[in-house]
Amino acid sequence: MARKSTEWLVVHASATPPQWDIGVAEIRDMHVKRGWRDIGYHYVIRRNGKVEKGRPEAEIGAHVRGWNSKSIGICLVGGIDAEGTPIANYTRKQYEALEGLLRSLMQKYQRTNPVQVCGHRDFPG
């Protein structure tokens, strides 16, 4: 199903320890095993800063229930330590790639309506 507008760029964590360098293929596999038809995110930023395309931007994602039709999902690989405790353990290259991707998406979508950047935790539910 096609997205009609973009109001939010939602940043997520893969909730994986820093030694896991997973990408779109691995996350897609996890999501499909949960019964989803595809990866829920539109972009994944690997530990080395490489940006991988997931679900096509024009399609509704599956990353923040109730808000998917007006948002783009971006997943940073990492986000927990070896014991499973949440921690912002992202690499400098990931932050640089995220900044570049957000700037690009803001330029693309801000032309038609205001776009906000937020985290998954900023949404109810």
Protein backbone atom coordinates (compact mmCIF):
# COMPACT_ATOMS: atom_id res chain seq x y z
CA MET A 1 0.00 0.00 0.00
CA ALA A 2 1.33 3.45 -0.90
CA ARG A 3 2.13 6.18 1.62
CA LYS A 4 0.28 9.40 0.90
CA SER A 5 2.50 11.82 2.84
CA THR A 6 5.54 12.04 5.07
CA GLU A 7 5.15 13.85 8.38
CA TRP A 8 7.69 11.95 10.51
CA LEU A 9 11.13 10.46 10.10
CA VAL A 10 11.26 7.87 12.87
CA VAL A 11 14.63 6.65 14.15
CA HIS A 12 14.73 3.16 15.65
CA ALA A 13 17.32 0.85 17.20
CA SER A 14 17.69 -2.76 16.13
CA ALA A 15 18.17 -3.65 19.83
CA THR A 16 21.24 -5.72 19.03
CA PRO A 17 24.64 -5.74 20.77
CA PRO A 18 27.54 -3.85 19.15
CA GLN A 19 29.29 -6.99 17.89
CA TRP A 20 26.30 -7.79 15.64
CA ASP A 21 26.66 -6.07 12.28
CA ILE A 22 23.35 -6.94 10.72
CA GLY A 23 21.71 -5.25 7.76
CA VAL A 24 18.56 -5.26 5.67
CA ALA A 25 18.81 -8.96 4.75
CA GLU A 26 19.02 -10.14 8.36
CA ILE A 27 16.33 -7.77 9.65
CA ARG A 28 14.05 -8.67 6.72
CA ASP A 29 14.50 -12.34 7.64
CA MET A 30 13.58 -11.63 11.29
CA HIS A 31 10.50 -9.64 10.29
CA VAL A 32 9.30 -12.22 7.74
CA LYS A 33 9.69 -14.97 10.37
CA ARG A 34 7.31 -12.91 12.55
CA GLY A 35 4.74 -13.07 9.76
CA TRP A 36 5.35 -9.68 8.18
CA ARG A 37 5.50 -9.53 4.38
CA ASP A 38 8.78 -7.53 4.31
CA ILE A 39 11.22 -5.58 6.47
CA GLY A 40 9.38 -2.92 8.46
CA TYR A 41 11.99 -0.17 8.00
CA HIS A 42 12.71 1.93 4.94
CA TYR A 43 16.41 2.27 5.80
CA VAL A 44 18.98 0.46 7.94
CA ILE A 45 22.28 2.05 8.98
CA ARG A 46 24.93 -0.58 9.64
CA ARG A 47 27.75 -0.29 12.20
CA ASN A 48 30.19 0.90 9.48
CA GLY A 49 27.81 3.71 8.46
CA LYS A 50 26.58 2.03 5.28
CA VAL A 51 22.97 2.99 4.55
CA GLU A 52 20.93 0.12 3.14
CA LYS A 53 17.51 0.53 1.57
CA GLY A 54 14.79 -1.65 3.05
CA ARG A 55 11.13 -1.28 2.20
CA PRO A 56 10.60 1.17 -0.70
CA GLU A 57 9.91 4.74 0.52
CA ALA A 58 6.66 4.88 -1.42
CA GLU A 59 5.27 1.93 0.56
CA ILE A 60 3.80 2.08 4.05
CA GLY A 61 6.31 0.69 6.53
CA ALA A 62 5.76 -1.45 9.61
CA HIS A 63 7.73 0.26 12.35
CA VAL A 64 5.42 2.40 14.53
CA ARG A 65 1.86 1.11 14.85
CA GLY A 66 -0.77 3.68 13.98
CA TRP A 67 1.70 6.11 12.36
CA ASN A 68 3.19 4.06 9.53
CA SER A 69 1.14 5.65 6.76
CA LYS A 70 2.76 9.07 7.32
CA SER A 71 6.29 8.12 8.33
CA ILE A 72 9.60 6.72 7.15
CA GLY A 73 11.38 4.24 9.42
CA ILE A 74 15.15 4.36 9.86
CA CYS A 75 16.91 1.69 11.93
CA LEU A 76 20.32 2.14 13.54
CA VAL A 77 22.00 -1.22 14.14
CA GLY A 78 22.90 -1.58 17.82
CA GLY A 79 21.26 -0.06 20.86
CA ILE A 80 21.88 -2.63 23.61
CA ASP A 81 24.94 -3.87 25.45
CA ALA A 82 26.02 -7.50 25.88
CA GLU A 83 23.59 -7.92 28.81
CA GLY A 84 20.64 -6.51 26.85
CA THR A 85 20.55 -3.11 28.57
CA PRO A 86 19.57 -0.21 26.27
CA ILE A 87 22.57 1.99 25.45
CA ALA A 88 23.41 4.46 22.68
CA ASN A 89 26.41 2.48 21.43
CA TYR A 90 26.26 3.66 17.84
CA THR A 91 29.41 4.44 15.90
CA ARG A 92 30.54 7.85 14.71
CA LYS A 93 30.03 6.62 11.14
CA GLN A 94 26.43 5.67 11.96
CA TYR A 95 25.73 9.14 13.37
CA GLU A 96 27.29 10.78 10.31
CA ALA A 97 25.26 8.57 7.96
CA LEU A 98 22.08 9.27 9.94
CA GLU A 99 22.65 13.02 9.73
CA GLY A 100 23.17 12.82 5.96
CA LEU A 101 20.12 10.62 5.42
CA LEU A 102 17.90 12.84 7.58
CA ARG A 103 19.06 15.97 5.73
CA SER A 104 18.33 14.33 2.39
CA LEU A 105 14.88 13.11 3.43
CA MET A 106 14.00 16.46 5.01
CA GLN A 107 14.89 18.26 1.78
CA LYS A 108 12.83 15.80 -0.23
CA TYR A 109 9.67 15.81 1.90
CA GLN A 110 9.72 19.23 3.59
CA ARG A 111 8.66 20.82 0.30
CA THR A 112 5.09 19.60 0.67
CA ASN A 113 4.54 19.69 4.46
CA PRO A 114 6.46 20.03 7.75
CA VAL A 115 8.48 16.94 8.65
CA GLN A 116 9.57 16.04 12.20
CA VAL A 117 12.41 13.78 13.28
CA CYS A 118 11.65 11.62 16.31
CA GLY A 119 12.42 8.32 17.95
CA HIS A 120 10.16 5.29 18.19
CA ARG A 121 9.72 5.97 21.91
CA ASP A 122 8.13 9.35 21.11
CA PHE A 123 4.96 7.64 19.87
CA PRO A 124 2.24 6.25 22.13
CA GLY A 125 1.84 2.51 22.46
